[in-house]
Amino acid sequence: MSLEMGGRSDKYGNQYENRYFARLLLRLVNEEIGSVIVEPLGADSDSVEFISEHEGTKEYY
């Protein structure tokens, strides 16, 4: 049994999310996407961690 809260798989999941966010930020800096929303509020908030938008198209993660 792991001593960390949430276990080892939770830690790997958080690392993946952090790397994906860094990738989104790099795409934003390179102007491949127009905006990034982190942990949105409202109707888009259910099971969504990030929203990226480019030319009116939204991608949900």
PDB file of N, CA and C in Angstrom:
ATOM      1  N   MET A   1       0.837  -1.176   0.000  1.00  0.00           N
ATOM      2  CA  MET A   1       0.000   0.000   0.000  1.00  0.00           C
ATOM      3  C   MET A   1       0.885   1.243   0.000  1.00  0.00           C
ATOM      4  N   SER A   2       0.493   2.200  -0.795  1.00  0.00           N
ATOM      5  CA  SER A   2       1.247   3.430  -0.959  1.00  0.00           C
ATOM      6  C   SER A   2       1.014   4.372   0.220  1.00  0.00           C
ATOM      7  N   LEU A   3       2.019   5.125   0.589  1.00  0.00           N
ATOM      8  CA  LEU A   3       1.888   6.082   1.675  1.00  0.00           C
ATOM      9  C   LEU A   3       1.292   7.408   1.214  1.00  0.00           C
ATOM     10  N   GLU A   4       1.314   7.689  -0.115  1.00  0.00           N
ATOM     11  CA  GLU A   4       0.794   8.947  -0.627  1.00  0.00           C
ATOM     12  C   GLU A   4      -0.729   8.924  -0.637  1.00  0.00           C
ATOM     13  N   MET A   5      -1.335  10.079  -0.390  1.00  0.00           N
ATOM     14  CA  MET A   5      -2.784  10.200  -0.491  1.00  0.00           C
ATOM     15  C   MET A   5      -3.185  10.054  -1.957  1.00  0.00           C
ATOM     16  N   GLY A   6      -4.169   9.226  -2.237  1.00  0.00           N
ATOM     17  CA  GLY A   6      -4.636   9.052  -3.607  1.00  0.00           C
ATOM     18  C   GLY A   6      -3.892   7.971  -4.357  1.00  0.00           C
ATOM     19  N   GLY A   7      -2.773   7.530  -3.861  1.00  0.00           N
ATOM     20  CA  GLY A   7      -2.034   6.449  -4.508  1.00  0.00           C
ATOM     21  C   GLY A   7      -1.157   6.918  -5.650  1.00  0.00           C
ATOM     22  N   ARG A   8      -0.389   5.971  -6.173  1.00  0.00           N
ATOM     23  CA  ARG A   8       0.577   6.251  -7.235  1.00  0.00           C
ATOM     24  C   ARG A   8      -0.113   6.665  -8.539  1.00  0.00           C
ATOM     25  N   SER A   9      -1.232   6.035  -8.894  1.00  0.00           N
ATOM     26  CA  SER A   9      -1.903   6.367 -10.157  1.00  0.00           C
ATOM     27  C   SER A   9      -2.415   7.809 -10.153  1.00  0.00           C
ATOM     28  N   ASP A  10      -2.843   8.294  -8.993  1.00  0.00           N
ATOM     29  CA  ASP A  10      -3.280   9.684  -8.887  1.00  0.00           C
ATOM     30  C   ASP A  10      -2.119  10.626  -9.164  1.00  0.00           C
ATOM     31  N   LYS A  11      -0.942  10.302  -8.678  1.00  0.00           N
ATOM     32  CA  LYS A  11       0.243  11.143  -8.891  1.00  0.00           C
ATOM     33  C   LYS A  11       0.603  11.190 -10.370  1.00  0.00           C
ATOM     34  N   TYR A  12       0.546  10.040 -11.068  1.00  0.00           N
ATOM     35  CA  TYR A  12       0.839  10.008 -12.496  1.00  0.00           C
ATOM     36  C   TYR A  12      -0.203  10.804 -13.280  1.00  0.00           C
ATOM     37  N   GLY A  13      -1.458  10.740 -12.855  1.00  0.00           N
ATOM     38  CA  GLY A  13      -2.512  11.510 -13.511  1.00  0.00           C
ATOM     39  C   GLY A  13      -2.277  13.003 -13.393  1.00  0.00           C
ATOM     40  N   ASN A  14      -1.840  13.442 -12.220  1.00  0.00           N
ATOM     41  CA  ASN A  14      -1.544  14.866 -12.015  1.00  0.00           C
ATOM     42  C   ASN A  14      -0.354  15.309 -12.851  1.00  0.00           C
ATOM     43  N   GLN A  15       0.658  14.450 -12.976  1.00  0.00           N
ATOM     44  CA  GLN A  15       1.809  14.785 -13.812  1.00  0.00           C
ATOM     45  C   GLN A  15       1.382  14.932 -15.266  1.00  0.00           C
ATOM     46  N   TYR A  16       0.499  14.056 -15.730  1.00  0.00           N
ATOM     47  CA  TYR A  16       0.019  14.122 -17.103  1.00  0.00           C
ATOM     48  C   TYR A  16      -0.730  15.434 -17.344  1.00  0.00           C
ATOM     49  N   GLU A  17      -1.594  15.808 -16.407  1.00  0.00           N
ATOM     50  CA  GLU A  17      -2.335  17.060 -16.547  1.00  0.00           C
ATOM     51  C   GLU A  17      -1.393  18.264 -16.574  1.00  0.00           C
ATOM     52  N   ASN A  18      -0.375  18.265 -15.734  1.00  0.00           N
ATOM     53  CA  ASN A  18       0.587  19.375 -15.710  1.00  0.00           C
ATOM     54  C   ASN A  18       1.344  19.474 -17.027  1.00  0.00           C
ATOM     55  N   ARG A  19       1.743  18.336 -17.578  1.00  0.00           N
ATOM     56  CA  ARG A  19       2.461  18.338 -18.855  1.00  0.00           C
ATOM     57  C   ARG A  19       1.557  18.773 -19.997  1.00  0.00           C
ATOM     58  N   TYR A  20       0.309  18.352 -19.954  1.00  0.00           N
ATOM     59  CA  TYR A  20      -0.645  18.762 -20.987  1.00  0.00           C
ATOM     60  C   TYR A  20      -0.870  20.266 -20.920  1.00  0.00           C
ATOM     61  N   PHE A  21      -0.966  20.814 -19.714  1.00  0.00           N
ATOM     62  CA  PHE A  21      -1.139  22.255 -19.543  1.00  0.00           C
ATOM     63  C   PHE A  21       0.080  23.009 -20.073  1.00  0.00           C
ATOM     64  N   ALA A  22       1.271  22.514 -19.802  1.00  0.00           N
ATOM     65  CA  ALA A  22       2.491  23.146 -20.316  1.00  0.00           C
ATOM     66  C   ALA A  22       2.489  23.116 -21.842  1.00  0.00           C
ATOM     67  N   ARG A  23       2.027  22.020 -22.407  1.00  0.00           N
ATOM     68  CA  ARG A  23       1.928  21.905 -23.864  1.00  0.00           C
ATOM     69  C   ARG A  23       0.937  22.928 -24.430  1.00  0.00           C
ATOM     70  N   LEU A  24      -0.204  23.104 -23.751  1.00  0.00           N
ATOM     71  CA  LEU A  24      -1.176  24.109 -24.175  1.00  0.00           C
ATOM     72  C   LEU A  24      -0.582  25.516 -24.114  1.00  0.00           C
ATOM     73  N   LEU A  25       0.174  25.795 -23.056  1.00  0.00           N
ATOM     74  CA  LEU A  25       0.798  27.117 -22.936  1.00  0.00           C
ATOM     75  C   LEU A  25       1.815  27.363 -24.049  1.00  0.00           C
ATOM     76  N   LEU A  26       2.560  26.338 -24.417  1.00  0.00           N
ATOM     77  CA  LEU A  26       3.508  26.481 -25.525  1.00  0.00           C
ATOM     78  C   LEU A  26       2.774  26.743 -26.840  1.00  0.00           C
ATOM     79  N   ARG A  27       1.651  26.053 -27.043  1.00  0.00           N
ATOM     80  CA  ARG A  27       0.849  26.299 -28.244  1.00  0.00           C
ATOM     81  C   ARG A  27       0.282  27.719 -28.240  1.00  0.00           C
ATOM     82  N   LEU A  28      -0.062  28.222 -27.055  1.00  0.00           N
ATOM     83  CA  LEU A  28      -0.571  29.589 -26.930  1.00  0.00           C
ATOM     84  C   LEU A  28       0.513  30.608 -27.275  1.00  0.00           C
ATOM     85  N   VAL A  29       1.718  30.389 -26.781  1.00  0.00           N
ATOM     86  CA  VAL A  29       2.844  31.288 -27.056  1.00  0.00           C
ATOM     87  C   VAL A  29       3.183  31.274 -28.551  1.00  0.00           C
ATOM     88  N   ASN A  30       3.089  30.108 -29.180  1.00  0.00           N
ATOM     89  CA  ASN A  30       3.374  29.985 -30.614  1.00  0.00           C
ATOM     90  C   ASN A  30       2.190  30.402 -31.488  1.00  0.00           C
ATOM     91  N   GLU A  31       1.125  30.900 -30.858  1.00  0.00           N
ATOM     92  CA  GLU A  31      -0.084  31.375 -31.532  1.00  0.00           C
ATOM     93  C   GLU A  31      -0.776  30.294 -32.356  1.00  0.00           C
ATOM     94  N   GLU A  32      -0.673  29.035 -31.917  1.00  0.00           N
ATOM     95  CA  GLU A  32      -1.402  27.941 -32.553  1.00  0.00           C
ATOM     96  C   GLU A  32      -2.833  27.881 -32.034  1.00  0.00           C
ATOM     97  N   ILE A  33      -3.051  28.384 -30.820  1.00  0.00           N
ATOM     98  CA  ILE A  33      -4.383  28.489 -30.242  1.00  0.00           C
ATOM     99  C   ILE A  33      -4.569  29.911 -29.728  1.00  0.00           C
ATOM    100  N   GLY A  34      -5.839  30.307 -29.571  1.00  0.00           N
ATOM    101  CA  GLY A  34      -6.119  31.680 -29.174  1.00  0.00           C
ATOM    102  C   GLY A  34      -6.216  31.902 -27.683  1.00  0.00           C
ATOM    103  N   SER A  35      -6.729  30.890 -26.944  1.00  0.00           N
ATOM    104  CA  SER A  35      -6.880  31.058 -25.505  1.00  0.00           C
ATOM    105  C   SER A  35      -6.919  29.706 -24.804  1.00  0.00           C
ATOM    106  N   VAL A  36      -6.644  29.742 -23.502  1.00  0.00           N
ATOM    107  CA  VAL A  36      -6.720  28.557 -22.641  1.00  0.00           C
ATOM    108  C   VAL A  36      -7.470  28.958 -21.379  1.00  0.00           C
ATOM    109  N   ILE A  37      -8.467  28.174 -21.013  1.00  0.00           N
ATOM    110  CA  ILE A  37      -9.207  28.383 -19.770  1.00  0.00           C
ATOM    111  C   ILE A  37      -8.920  27.185 -18.868  1.00  0.00           C
ATOM    112  N   VAL A  38      -8.481  27.455 -17.650  1.00  0.00           N
ATOM    113  CA  VAL A  38      -8.147  26.396 -16.690  1.00  0.00           C
ATOM    114  C   VAL A  38      -9.287  26.274 -15.690  1.00  0.00           C
ATOM    115  N   GLU A  39      -9.785  25.061 -15.484  1.00  0.00           N
ATOM    116  CA  GLU A  39     -10.876  24.746 -14.575  1.00  0.00           C
ATOM    117  C   GLU A  39     -12.024  25.753 -14.726  1.00  0.00           C
ATOM    118  N   PRO A  40     -12.725  25.683 -15.846  1.00  0.00           N
ATOM    119  CA  PRO A  40     -13.794  26.656 -16.123  1.00  0.00           C
ATOM    120  C   PRO A  40     -14.949  26.551 -15.144  1.00  0.00           C
ATOM    121  N   LEU A  41     -15.691  27.644 -15.021  1.00  0.00           N
ATOM    122  CA  LEU A  41     -16.878  27.697 -14.177  1.00  0.00           C
ATOM    123  C   LEU A  41     -18.118  27.673 -15.060  1.00  0.00           C
ATOM    124  N   GLY A  42     -19.249  27.342 -14.467  1.00  0.00           N
ATOM    125  CA  GLY A  42     -20.508  27.386 -15.199  1.00  0.00           C
ATOM    126  C   GLY A  42     -20.845  26.077 -15.882  1.00  0.00           C
ATOM    127  N   ALA A  43     -21.554  26.186 -17.008  1.00  0.00           N
ATOM    128  CA  ALA A  43     -22.054  25.002 -17.709  1.00  0.00           C
ATOM    129  C   ALA A  43     -20.930  24.129 -18.256  1.00  0.00           C
ATOM    130  N   ASP A  44     -19.779  24.704 -18.575  1.00  0.00           N
ATOM    131  CA  ASP A  44     -18.661  23.939 -19.128  1.00  0.00           C
ATOM    132  C   ASP A  44     -17.795  23.275 -18.068  1.00  0.00           C
ATOM    133  N   SER A  45     -18.164  23.392 -16.809  1.00  0.00           N
ATOM    134  CA  SER A  45     -17.268  22.939 -15.742  1.00  0.00           C
ATOM    135  C   SER A  45     -17.353  21.445 -15.436  1.00  0.00           C
ATOM    136  N   ASP A  46     -18.378  20.756 -15.873  1.00  0.00           N
ATOM    137  CA  ASP A  46     -18.534  19.334 -15.544  1.00  0.00           C
ATOM    138  C   ASP A  46     -17.485  18.491 -16.256  1.00  0.00           C
ATOM    139  N   SER A  47     -16.607  17.861 -15.489  1.00  0.00           N
ATOM    140  CA  SER A  47     -15.586  16.932 -15.984  1.00  0.00           C
ATOM    141  C   SER A  47     -14.622  17.575 -16.973  1.00  0.00           C
ATOM    142  N   VAL A  48     -14.385  18.872 -16.880  1.00  0.00           N
ATOM    143  CA  VAL A  48     -13.475  19.563 -17.797  1.00  0.00           C
ATOM    144  C   VAL A  48     -12.370  20.222 -16.984  1.00  0.00           C
ATOM    145  N   GLU A  49     -11.142  19.974 -17.386  1.00  0.00           N
ATOM    146  CA  GLU A  49      -9.993  20.574 -16.711  1.00  0.00           C
ATOM    147  C   GLU A  49      -9.489  21.805 -17.467  1.00  0.00           C
ATOM    148  N   PHE A  50      -9.422  21.702 -18.812  1.00  0.00           N
ATOM    149  CA  PHE A  50      -8.931  22.793 -19.648  1.00  0.00           C
ATOM    150  C   PHE A  50      -9.832  22.954 -20.862  1.00  0.00           C
ATOM    151  N   ILE A  51      -9.952  24.193 -21.346  1.00  0.00           N
ATOM    152  CA  ILE A  51     -10.607  24.467 -22.618  1.00  0.00           C
ATOM    153  C   ILE A  51      -9.649  25.319 -23.429  1.00  0.00           C
ATOM    154  N   SER A  52      -9.320  24.852 -24.638  1.00  0.00           N
ATOM    155  CA  SER A  52      -8.507  25.661 -25.547  1.00  0.00           C
ATOM    156  C   SER A  52      -9.394  26.079 -26.708  1.00  0.00           C
ATOM    157  N   GLU A  53      -9.157  27.282 -27.216  1.00  0.00           N
ATOM    158  CA  GLU A  53      -9.990  27.805 -28.294  1.00  0.00           C
ATOM    159  C   GLU A  53      -9.121  28.360 -29.402  1.00  0.00           C
ATOM    160  N   HIS A  54      -9.515  28.052 -30.639  1.00  0.00           N
ATOM    161  CA  HIS A  54      -8.817  28.568 -31.808  1.00  0.00           C
ATOM    162  C   HIS A  54      -9.826  28.774 -32.930  1.00  0.00           C
ATOM    163  N   GLU A  55      -9.951  30.007 -33.375  1.00  0.00           N
ATOM    164  CA  GLU A  55     -10.847  30.377 -34.470  1.00  0.00           C
ATOM    165  C   GLU A  55     -12.271  29.894 -34.246  1.00  0.00           C
ATOM    166  N   GLY A  56     -12.769  30.039 -33.033  1.00  0.00           N
ATOM    167  CA  GLY A  56     -14.146  29.686 -32.705  1.00  0.00           C
ATOM    168  C   GLY A  56     -14.378  28.228 -32.350  1.00  0.00           C
ATOM    169  N   THR A  57     -13.372  27.385 -32.501  1.00  0.00           N
ATOM    170  CA  THR A  57     -13.496  25.966 -32.158  1.00  0.00           C
ATOM    171  C   THR A  57     -12.922  25.732 -30.778  1.00  0.00           C
ATOM    172  N   LYS A  58     -13.704  25.073 -29.918  1.00  0.00           N
ATOM    173  CA  LYS A  58     -13.251  24.781 -28.561  1.00  0.00           C
ATOM    174  C   LYS A  58     -12.878  23.310 -28.436  1.00  0.00           C
ATOM    175  N   GLU A  59     -11.780  23.040 -27.741  1.00  0.00           N
ATOM    176  CA  GLU A  59     -11.359  21.679 -27.423  1.00  0.00           C
ATOM    177  C   GLU A  59     -11.403  21.531 -25.911  1.00  0.00           C
ATOM    178  N   TYR A  60     -12.092  20.497 -25.440  1.00  0.00           N
ATOM    179  CA  TYR A  60     -12.244  20.258 -24.014  1.00  0.00           C
ATOM    180  C   TYR A  60     -11.357  19.113 -23.579  1.00  0.00           C
ATOM    181  N   TYR A  61     -10.708  19.297 -22.429  1.00  0.00           N
ATOM    182  CA  TYR A  61      -9.917  18.220 -21.854  1.00  0.00           C
ATOM    183  C   TYR A  61     -10.346  18.051 -20.410  1.00  0.00           C
TER     184      TYR A  61
END
